[in-house]
């Protein structure tokens, strides 16, 4: 079990059998969001104060790479169909898309004001990004990485839940 420790700039890794912390790799200032890449056994950590994403190996429990993202990366999600990690960059109003195999930035796409929540919807292979100050959700195609729509919502959307069997 991995937990981002914002003030410590580290991730605590807890053994699920013993409930003991087995490692705490330093990630960067403001460790705030995590995403599991189950395909490549990696955990990604958004460093809100450091503009980077730390990549942790699930095998060694150590940081193996740091990927440059936009300003103030906040939350992330993993797209298992396309093997991509999506990073909502709160300070630069965009989403960084990272290749899950190579940890290289594929592209960055525009989002609304202050994106701070993001989720992948498996049935449609789309990524939804909540834009807190923009009162909207940006919809990104999981194959082409293009913005498909911006959906107006109520004030300050900030979390997602979806039903996998539905659309």
N, C-alpha and C. Protein backbone atom coordinates (compact mmCIF):
# COMPACT_ATOMS: atom_id res chain seq x y z
N UNK A 1 0.86 -1.17 0.00
CA UNK A 1 0.00 0.00 0.00
C UNK A 1 0.90 1.22 0.00
N UNK A 2 0.62 2.17 -0.90
CA UNK A 2 1.44 3.38 -1.03
C UNK A 2 0.62 4.58 -0.57
N UNK A 3 1.25 5.47 0.18
CA UNK A 3 0.58 6.70 0.60
C UNK A 3 1.50 7.88 0.39
N UNK A 4 0.97 8.92 -0.24
CA UNK A 4 1.75 10.14 -0.49
C UNK A 4 1.76 10.98 0.77
N UNK A 5 2.96 11.39 1.20
CA UNK A 5 3.12 12.20 2.40
C UNK A 5 3.50 13.61 1.97
N UNK A 6 2.49 14.46 1.84
CA UNK A 6 2.65 15.79 1.29
C UNK A 6 3.76 16.59 1.95
N UNK A 7 3.70 16.74 3.25
CA UNK A 7 4.68 17.57 3.94
C UNK A 7 6.07 16.96 4.00
N UNK A 8 6.15 15.64 3.90
CA UNK A 8 7.45 14.96 3.97
C UNK A 8 8.13 14.86 2.61
N UNK A 9 7.38 15.04 1.52
CA UNK A 9 7.96 14.88 0.20
C UNK A 9 8.43 13.46 -0.04
N UNK A 10 7.62 12.51 0.41
CA UNK A 10 7.99 11.10 0.30
C UNK A 10 6.72 10.26 0.18
N UNK A 11 6.92 9.01 -0.16
CA UNK A 11 5.83 8.05 -0.21
C UNK A 11 6.14 6.94 0.80
N UNK A 12 5.19 6.65 1.69
CA UNK A 12 5.36 5.53 2.60
C UNK A 12 4.79 4.29 1.92
N UNK A 13 5.56 3.21 1.97
CA UNK A 13 5.12 1.94 1.41
C UNK A 13 4.86 0.99 2.57
N UNK A 14 3.61 0.56 2.67
CA UNK A 14 3.17 -0.25 3.80
C UNK A 14 2.98 -1.70 3.34
N UNK A 15 3.58 -2.63 4.05
CA UNK A 15 3.40 -4.05 3.78
C UNK A 15 1.98 -4.43 4.17
N UNK A 16 1.20 -4.95 3.23
CA UNK A 16 -0.20 -5.29 3.49
C UNK A 16 -0.38 -6.44 4.46
N UNK A 17 0.62 -7.29 4.61
CA UNK A 17 0.51 -8.43 5.53
C UNK A 17 0.83 -8.04 6.97
N UNK A 18 1.81 -7.15 7.14
CA UNK A 18 2.26 -6.80 8.49
C UNK A 18 1.80 -5.42 8.95
N UNK A 19 1.31 -4.61 8.02
CA UNK A 19 0.92 -3.23 8.31
C UNK A 19 2.09 -2.39 8.82
N UNK A 20 3.27 -2.71 8.37
CA UNK A 20 4.47 -1.96 8.75
C UNK A 20 5.01 -1.23 7.53
N UNK A 21 5.54 -0.03 7.75
CA UNK A 21 6.19 0.72 6.67
C UNK A 21 7.50 0.01 6.34
N UNK A 22 7.67 -0.35 5.07
CA UNK A 22 8.88 -1.06 4.64
C UNK A 22 9.84 -0.19 3.86
N UNK A 23 9.35 0.96 3.37
CA UNK A 23 10.22 1.90 2.65
C UNK A 23 9.53 3.25 2.59
N UNK A 24 10.32 4.30 2.45
CA UNK A 24 9.79 5.67 2.32
C UNK A 24 10.67 6.45 1.35
N UNK A 25 10.61 6.14 0.06
CA UNK A 25 11.45 6.85 -0.89
C UNK A 25 11.06 8.33 -1.00
N UNK A 26 12.08 9.19 -1.02
CA UNK A 26 11.85 10.62 -1.23
C UNK A 26 11.39 10.84 -2.66
N UNK A 27 10.34 11.65 -2.81
CA UNK A 27 9.79 11.89 -4.15
C UNK A 27 9.98 13.33 -4.58
N UNK A 28 9.65 14.26 -3.74
CA UNK A 28 9.74 15.67 -4.08
C UNK A 28 8.77 16.46 -3.24
N UNK A 29 8.90 17.75 -3.32
CA UNK A 29 8.09 18.64 -2.50
C UNK A 29 6.62 18.51 -2.83
N UNK A 30 5.82 18.33 -1.80
CA UNK A 30 4.38 18.31 -1.96
C UNK A 30 3.83 17.04 -2.56
N UNK A 31 4.35 15.88 -2.19
CA UNK A 31 3.81 14.62 -2.69
C UNK A 31 2.32 14.56 -2.39
N UNK A 32 1.49 14.52 -3.44
CA UNK A 32 0.05 14.67 -3.20
C UNK A 32 -0.83 13.65 -3.90
N UNK A 33 -0.47 13.19 -5.08
CA UNK A 33 -1.33 12.28 -5.82
C UNK A 33 -0.58 11.05 -6.26
N UNK A 34 -1.28 9.92 -6.31
CA UNK A 34 -0.66 8.66 -6.73
C UNK A 34 -1.47 8.00 -7.83
N UNK A 35 -0.79 7.26 -8.68
CA UNK A 35 -1.45 6.43 -9.69
C UNK A 35 -0.66 5.15 -9.83
N UNK A 36 -1.37 4.03 -9.90
CA UNK A 36 -0.74 2.73 -10.05
C UNK A 36 -0.75 2.32 -11.52
N UNK A 37 0.41 2.01 -12.05
CA UNK A 37 0.56 1.44 -13.39
C UNK A 37 0.71 -0.06 -13.18
N UNK A 38 -0.41 -0.77 -13.24
CA UNK A 38 -0.40 -2.20 -12.97
C UNK A 38 0.26 -3.00 -14.10
N UNK A 39 0.29 -2.45 -15.29
CA UNK A 39 0.92 -3.12 -16.42
C UNK A 39 2.42 -3.23 -16.26
N UNK A 40 3.06 -2.15 -15.78
CA UNK A 40 4.51 -2.10 -15.66
C UNK A 40 5.01 -2.09 -14.22
N UNK A 41 4.10 -2.35 -13.24
CA UNK A 41 4.46 -2.42 -11.83
C UNK A 41 5.18 -1.16 -11.35
N UNK A 42 4.54 -0.02 -11.59
CA UNK A 42 5.09 1.27 -11.17
C UNK A 42 4.01 2.07 -10.44
N UNK A 43 4.46 2.95 -9.57
CA UNK A 43 3.58 3.90 -8.91
C UNK A 43 4.10 5.29 -9.24
N UNK A 44 3.20 6.16 -9.66
CA UNK A 44 3.56 7.53 -10.01
C UNK A 44 3.09 8.46 -8.89
N UNK A 45 3.95 9.41 -8.52
CA UNK A 45 3.63 10.35 -7.45
C UNK A 45 3.73 11.78 -7.97
N UNK A 46 2.63 12.53 -7.90
CA UNK A 46 2.63 13.94 -8.29
C UNK A 46 3.21 14.76 -7.15
N UNK A 47 4.19 15.59 -7.49
CA UNK A 47 4.85 16.46 -6.52
C UNK A 47 4.35 17.88 -6.73
N UNK A 48 3.30 18.24 -6.01
CA UNK A 48 2.56 19.49 -6.21
C UNK A 48 3.44 20.73 -6.14
N UNK A 49 4.42 20.73 -5.28
CA UNK A 49 5.28 21.90 -5.12
C UNK A 49 6.53 21.84 -5.99
N UNK A 50 6.72 20.73 -6.68
CA UNK A 50 7.96 20.55 -7.41
C UNK A 50 7.84 20.41 -8.91
N UNK A 51 6.64 20.43 -9.46
CA UNK A 51 6.39 20.37 -10.91
C UNK A 51 6.91 19.10 -11.55
N UNK A 52 7.03 18.04 -10.78
CA UNK A 52 7.49 16.78 -11.36
C UNK A 52 6.67 15.61 -10.88
N UNK A 53 6.86 14.49 -11.56
CA UNK A 53 6.20 13.25 -11.19
C UNK A 53 7.29 12.22 -10.93
N UNK A 54 7.32 11.66 -9.74
CA UNK A 54 8.28 10.63 -9.40
C UNK A 54 7.72 9.27 -9.79
N UNK A 55 8.57 8.41 -10.35
CA UNK A 55 8.17 7.07 -10.74
C UNK A 55 8.85 6.09 -9.78
N UNK A 56 8.04 5.28 -9.10
CA UNK A 56 8.54 4.32 -8.12
C UNK A 56 8.38 2.92 -8.68
N UNK A 57 9.43 2.14 -8.63
CA UNK A 57 9.37 0.74 -9.03
C UNK A 57 8.65 -0.07 -7.97
N UNK A 58 7.66 -0.84 -8.37
CA UNK A 58 6.97 -1.71 -7.43
C UNK A 58 7.81 -2.90 -7.01
N UNK A 59 8.88 -3.16 -7.76
CA UNK A 59 9.78 -4.28 -7.43
C UNK A 59 10.84 -3.90 -6.41
N UNK A 60 11.37 -2.69 -6.56
CA UNK A 60 12.47 -2.26 -5.68
C UNK A 60 12.05 -1.24 -4.63
N UNK A 61 10.82 -0.71 -4.75
CA UNK A 61 10.32 0.32 -3.84
C UNK A 61 11.22 1.55 -3.80
N UNK A 62 11.81 1.88 -4.94
CA UNK A 62 12.67 3.06 -5.02
C UNK A 62 12.27 3.90 -6.23
N UNK A 63 12.63 5.19 -6.18
CA UNK A 63 12.35 6.09 -7.30
C UNK A 63 13.30 5.74 -8.44
N UNK A 64 12.74 5.48 -9.62
CA UNK A 64 13.55 5.10 -10.77
C UNK A 64 13.60 6.19 -11.84
N UNK A 65 12.72 7.20 -11.72
CA UNK A 65 12.72 8.30 -12.69
C UNK A 65 11.92 9.46 -12.13
N UNK A 66 12.20 10.64 -12.67
CA UNK A 66 11.38 11.82 -12.40
C UNK A 66 11.00 12.41 -13.75
N UNK A 67 9.71 12.59 -13.96
CA UNK A 67 9.19 13.08 -15.23
C UNK A 67 8.73 14.52 -15.03
N UNK A 68 9.13 15.41 -15.93
CA UNK A 68 8.69 16.80 -15.86
C UNK A 68 7.24 16.89 -16.31
N UNK A 69 6.43 17.51 -15.49
CA UNK A 69 5.03 17.74 -15.83
C UNK A 69 4.78 19.24 -15.84
N UNK A 70 3.52 19.63 -15.88
CA UNK A 70 3.19 21.05 -15.84
C UNK A 70 3.35 21.61 -14.44
N UNK A 71 2.91 22.82 -14.25
CA UNK A 71 3.03 23.51 -12.97
C UNK A 71 2.02 22.96 -11.97
N UNK A 72 2.52 22.56 -10.81
CA UNK A 72 1.73 22.08 -9.68
C UNK A 72 0.87 20.86 -10.04
N UNK A 73 1.53 19.76 -10.45
CA UNK A 73 0.77 18.54 -10.72
C UNK A 73 0.05 18.09 -9.45
N UNK A 74 -1.19 17.68 -9.61
CA UNK A 74 -2.01 17.42 -8.43
C UNK A 74 -2.51 15.98 -8.34
N UNK A 75 -3.23 15.55 -9.33
CA UNK A 75 -3.80 14.19 -9.32
C UNK A 75 -3.45 13.50 -10.64
N UNK A 76 -3.53 12.16 -10.60
CA UNK A 76 -3.19 11.38 -11.78
C UNK A 76 -4.13 10.20 -11.90
N UNK A 77 -4.16 9.62 -13.10
CA UNK A 77 -4.87 8.37 -13.31
C UNK A 77 -4.10 7.55 -14.33
N UNK A 78 -4.33 6.26 -14.31
CA UNK A 78 -3.67 5.35 -15.24
C UNK A 78 -4.68 4.75 -16.21
N UNK A 79 -4.35 4.76 -17.48
CA UNK A 79 -5.18 4.19 -18.54
C UNK A 79 -4.56 2.85 -18.92
N UNK A 80 -5.15 1.75 -18.47
CA UNK A 80 -4.60 0.42 -18.72
C UNK A 80 -4.74 -0.01 -20.17
N UNK A 81 -5.72 0.52 -20.88
CA UNK A 81 -5.90 0.16 -22.29
C UNK A 81 -4.77 0.72 -23.15
N UNK A 82 -4.38 1.97 -22.89
CA UNK A 82 -3.35 2.63 -23.69
C UNK A 82 -1.99 2.69 -23.01
N UNK A 83 -1.90 2.20 -21.76
CA UNK A 83 -0.67 2.25 -20.97
C UNK A 83 -0.12 3.69 -20.88
N UNK A 84 -0.99 4.58 -20.41
CA UNK A 84 -0.63 5.99 -20.26
C UNK A 84 -1.02 6.48 -18.87
N UNK A 85 -0.26 7.45 -18.39
CA UNK A 85 -0.54 8.12 -17.12
C UNK A 85 -0.92 9.56 -17.45
N UNK A 86 -2.02 10.03 -16.87
CA UNK A 86 -2.51 11.39 -17.11
C UNK A 86 -2.33 12.19 -15.83
N UNK A 87 -1.73 13.36 -15.96
CA UNK A 87 -1.41 14.21 -14.81
C UNK A 87 -2.16 15.53 -14.93
N UNK A 88 -3.03 15.81 -13.97
CA UNK A 88 -3.75 17.08 -13.93
C UNK A 88 -2.84 18.13 -13.31
N UNK A 89 -2.46 19.12 -14.10
CA UNK A 89 -1.54 20.17 -13.66
C UNK A 89 -2.33 21.42 -13.25
N UNK A 90 -2.53 21.54 -11.96
CA UNK A 90 -3.35 22.59 -11.36
C UNK A 90 -2.88 24.00 -11.73
N UNK A 91 -1.58 24.22 -11.73
CA UNK A 91 -1.05 25.56 -11.95
C UNK A 91 -0.92 25.97 -13.41
N UNK A 92 -0.87 25.02 -14.33
CA UNK A 92 -0.70 25.38 -15.74
C UNK A 92 -1.92 25.06 -16.59
N UNK A 93 -3.01 24.65 -15.94
CA UNK A 93 -4.29 24.43 -16.63
C UNK A 93 -4.17 23.47 -17.81
N UNK A 94 -3.44 22.36 -17.58
CA UNK A 94 -3.31 21.37 -18.64
C UNK A 94 -3.14 19.97 -18.05
N UNK A 95 -3.05 18.99 -18.95
CA UNK A 95 -2.86 17.60 -18.56
C UNK A 95 -1.64 17.07 -19.30
N UNK A 96 -0.68 16.55 -18.55
CA UNK A 96 0.50 15.91 -19.14
C UNK A 96 0.18 14.43 -19.31
N UNK A 97 0.51 13.89 -20.50
CA UNK A 97 0.28 12.47 -20.77
C UNK A 97 1.64 11.78 -20.88
N UNK A 98 1.83 10.76 -20.04
CA UNK A 98 3.10 10.05 -19.93
C UNK A 98 2.95 8.62 -20.45
N UNK A 99 3.92 8.17 -21.24
CA UNK A 99 3.95 6.78 -21.71
C UNK A 99 4.28 5.88 -20.53
N UNK A 100 3.43 4.92 -20.24
CA UNK A 100 3.61 4.05 -19.07
C UNK A 100 4.77 3.08 -19.20
N UNK A 101 5.21 2.81 -20.41
CA UNK A 101 6.33 1.88 -20.60
C UNK A 101 7.67 2.59 -20.48
N UNK A 102 7.77 3.79 -21.05
CA UNK A 102 9.06 4.49 -21.11
C UNK A 102 9.19 5.65 -20.12
N UNK A 103 8.09 6.08 -19.53
CA UNK A 103 8.04 7.25 -18.64
C UNK A 103 8.34 8.56 -19.37
N UNK A 104 8.26 8.56 -20.69
CA UNK A 104 8.48 9.77 -21.48
C UNK A 104 7.15 10.52 -21.64
N UNK A 105 7.24 11.85 -21.66
CA UNK A 105 6.04 12.66 -21.91
C UNK A 105 5.66 12.50 -23.38
N UNK A 106 4.41 12.11 -23.60
CA UNK A 106 3.89 11.98 -24.95
C UNK A 106 3.45 13.33 -25.48
N UNK A 107 2.65 14.02 -24.67
CA UNK A 107 2.14 15.33 -25.05
C UNK A 107 1.51 16.00 -23.84
N UNK A 108 1.14 17.24 -24.00
CA UNK A 108 0.39 17.98 -23.00
C UNK A 108 -0.81 18.59 -23.70
N UNK A 109 -1.99 18.46 -23.09
CA UNK A 109 -3.20 19.01 -23.68
C UNK A 109 -3.82 20.03 -22.74
N UNK A 110 -4.47 21.02 -23.31
CA UNK A 110 -5.11 22.07 -22.53
C UNK A 110 -6.31 21.52 -21.77
N UNK A 111 -6.51 22.04 -20.58
CA UNK A 111 -7.70 21.73 -19.77
C UNK A 111 -8.28 23.06 -19.32
N UNK A 112 -9.26 23.03 -18.46
CA UNK A 112 -9.84 24.26 -17.94
C UNK A 112 -9.04 24.80 -16.78
N UNK A 113 -9.62 25.78 -16.08
CA UNK A 113 -8.93 26.44 -14.97
C UNK A 113 -8.80 25.51 -13.76
N UNK A 114 -7.57 25.39 -13.27
CA UNK A 114 -7.23 24.65 -12.06
C UNK A 114 -7.71 23.20 -12.07
N UNK A 115 -7.23 22.40 -13.02
CA UNK A 115 -7.60 20.98 -13.00
C UNK A 115 -7.04 20.30 -11.75
N UNK A 116 -7.90 19.58 -11.05
CA UNK A 116 -7.40 18.98 -9.83
C UNK A 116 -7.94 17.58 -9.54
N UNK A 117 -8.74 17.03 -10.40
CA UNK A 117 -9.16 15.63 -10.27
C UNK A 117 -9.19 15.04 -11.67
N UNK A 118 -8.88 13.75 -11.79
CA UNK A 118 -8.80 13.14 -13.11
C UNK A 118 -9.12 11.66 -12.97
N UNK A 119 -9.82 11.12 -13.96
CA UNK A 119 -10.21 9.71 -13.92
C UNK A 119 -10.29 9.13 -15.31
N UNK A 120 -9.94 7.86 -15.42
CA UNK A 120 -10.05 7.13 -16.68
C UNK A 120 -11.33 6.32 -16.67
N UNK A 121 -12.08 6.38 -17.75
CA UNK A 121 -13.30 5.59 -17.90
C UNK A 121 -13.01 4.49 -18.91
N UNK A 122 -12.84 3.27 -18.41
CA UNK A 122 -12.41 2.14 -19.23
C UNK A 122 -13.34 1.82 -20.40
N UNK A 123 -14.67 1.76 -20.22
CA UNK A 123 -15.52 1.37 -21.35
C UNK A 123 -15.39 2.28 -22.57
N UNK A 124 -15.19 3.56 -22.35
CA UNK A 124 -15.08 4.51 -23.47
C UNK A 124 -13.63 4.85 -23.81
N UNK A 125 -12.68 4.42 -22.98
CA UNK A 125 -11.26 4.79 -23.10
C UNK A 125 -11.12 6.31 -23.19
N UNK A 126 -11.78 6.97 -22.28
CA UNK A 126 -11.70 8.43 -22.19
C UNK A 126 -11.23 8.82 -20.79
N UNK A 127 -10.59 9.98 -20.73
CA UNK A 127 -10.11 10.51 -19.46
C UNK A 127 -10.90 11.79 -19.18
N UNK A 128 -11.36 11.91 -17.95
CA UNK A 128 -12.16 13.06 -17.53
C UNK A 128 -11.36 13.87 -16.51
N UNK A 129 -11.24 15.15 -16.77
CA UNK A 129 -10.46 16.04 -15.91
C UNK A 129 -11.36 17.13 -15.35
N UNK A 130 -11.51 17.16 -14.02
CA UNK A 130 -12.34 18.17 -13.35
C UNK A 130 -11.55 19.45 -13.20
N UNK A 131 -12.13 20.54 -13.70
CA UNK A 131 -11.50 21.86 -13.65
C UNK A 131 -12.19 22.68 -12.58
N UNK A 132 -11.58 22.72 -11.39
CA UNK A 132 -12.20 23.32 -10.21
C UNK A 132 -12.65 24.75 -10.39
N UNK A 133 -11.77 25.61 -10.88
CA UNK A 133 -12.15 27.01 -11.05
C UNK A 133 -12.87 27.23 -12.38
N UNK A 134 -12.78 26.27 -13.27
CA UNK A 134 -13.41 26.39 -14.58
C UNK A 134 -14.84 25.88 -14.62
N UNK A 135 -15.28 25.26 -13.51
CA UNK A 135 -16.64 24.73 -13.44
C UNK A 135 -16.97 23.87 -14.65
N UNK A 136 -16.02 22.99 -14.99
CA UNK A 136 -16.20 22.15 -16.17
C UNK A 136 -15.38 20.87 -16.05
N UNK A 137 -15.63 19.96 -16.97
CA UNK A 137 -14.87 18.73 -17.09
C UNK A 137 -14.35 18.64 -18.52
N UNK A 138 -13.05 18.44 -18.66
CA UNK A 138 -12.43 18.25 -19.97
C UNK A 138 -12.42 16.76 -20.27
N UNK A 139 -12.84 16.37 -21.48
CA UNK A 139 -12.89 14.98 -21.89
C UNK A 139 -11.77 14.74 -22.92
N UNK A 140 -10.89 13.77 -22.62
CA UNK A 140 -9.72 13.49 -23.47
C UNK A 140 -9.84 12.08 -24.03
N UNK A 141 -9.61 11.93 -25.33
CA UNK A 141 -9.62 10.62 -25.98
C UNK A 141 -8.38 9.84 -25.57
N UNK A 142 -8.55 8.60 -25.09
CA UNK A 142 -7.45 7.79 -24.61
C UNK A 142 -6.55 7.24 -25.70
N UNK A 143 -6.98 7.29 -26.96
CA UNK A 143 -6.17 6.82 -28.07
C UNK A 143 -5.41 7.96 -28.73
N UNK A 144 -6.15 9.02 -29.09
CA UNK A 144 -5.55 10.12 -29.85
C UNK A 144 -4.96 11.22 -28.98
N UNK A 145 -5.27 11.21 -27.68
CA UNK A 145 -4.82 12.24 -26.73
C UNK A 145 -5.41 13.61 -27.03
N UNK A 146 -6.47 13.67 -27.80
CA UNK A 146 -7.08 14.95 -28.14
C UNK A 146 -8.26 15.24 -27.22
N UNK A 147 -8.53 16.53 -27.04
CA UNK A 147 -9.68 16.95 -26.24
C UNK A 147 -10.93 16.78 -27.10
N UNK A 148 -11.87 16.01 -26.58
CA UNK A 148 -13.11 15.74 -27.30
C UNK A 148 -14.21 16.74 -26.96
N UNK A 149 -14.22 17.20 -25.71
CA UNK A 149 -15.28 18.10 -25.27
C UNK A 149 -14.89 18.77 -23.97
N UNK A 150 -15.56 19.87 -23.70
CA UNK A 150 -15.52 20.51 -22.39
C UNK A 150 -16.96 20.59 -21.92
N UNK A 151 -17.25 19.94 -20.81
CA UNK A 151 -18.62 19.82 -20.33
C UNK A 151 -18.82 20.78 -19.15
N UNK A 152 -19.74 21.75 -19.27
CA UNK A 152 -20.02 22.63 -18.13
C UNK A 152 -20.64 21.83 -16.99
N UNK A 153 -20.22 22.13 -15.76
CA UNK A 153 -20.75 21.44 -14.58
C UNK A 153 -21.15 22.48 -13.54
N UNK A 154 -21.48 22.02 -12.38
CA UNK A 154 -21.71 22.91 -11.26
C UNK A 154 -20.38 23.48 -10.78
N UNK A 155 -20.43 24.29 -9.75
CA UNK A 155 -19.22 24.95 -9.26
C UNK A 155 -18.23 23.96 -8.66
N UNK A 156 -16.99 24.14 -9.00
CA UNK A 156 -15.85 23.44 -8.43
C UNK A 156 -15.95 21.91 -8.44
N UNK A 157 -16.10 21.29 -9.62
CA UNK A 157 -16.09 19.83 -9.64
C UNK A 157 -14.75 19.32 -9.11
N UNK A 158 -14.79 18.25 -8.32
CA UNK A 158 -13.54 17.85 -7.70
C UNK A 158 -13.33 16.37 -7.48
N UNK A 159 -14.27 15.52 -7.90
CA UNK A 159 -14.07 14.09 -7.70
C UNK A 159 -14.88 13.32 -8.74
N UNK A 160 -14.48 12.06 -8.96
CA UNK A 160 -15.16 11.23 -9.95
C UNK A 160 -15.50 9.87 -9.36
N UNK A 161 -16.54 9.29 -9.91
CA UNK A 161 -16.88 7.88 -9.70
C UNK A 161 -17.58 7.45 -10.98
N UNK A 162 -17.30 6.24 -11.43
CA UNK A 162 -17.98 5.75 -12.63
C UNK A 162 -18.35 4.30 -12.43
N UNK A 163 -19.34 3.88 -13.19
CA UNK A 163 -19.79 2.50 -13.16
C UNK A 163 -19.16 1.81 -14.36
N UNK A 164 -18.24 0.87 -14.14
CA UNK A 164 -17.51 0.24 -15.25
C UNK A 164 -18.42 -0.39 -16.31
N UNK A 165 -19.55 -0.95 -15.91
CA UNK A 165 -20.44 -1.61 -16.86
C UNK A 165 -21.25 -0.62 -17.69
N UNK A 166 -21.32 0.61 -17.23
CA UNK A 166 -22.13 1.62 -17.92
C UNK A 166 -21.27 2.52 -18.78
N UNK A 167 -21.92 3.44 -19.44
CA UNK A 167 -21.19 4.41 -20.25
C UNK A 167 -21.63 5.81 -19.86
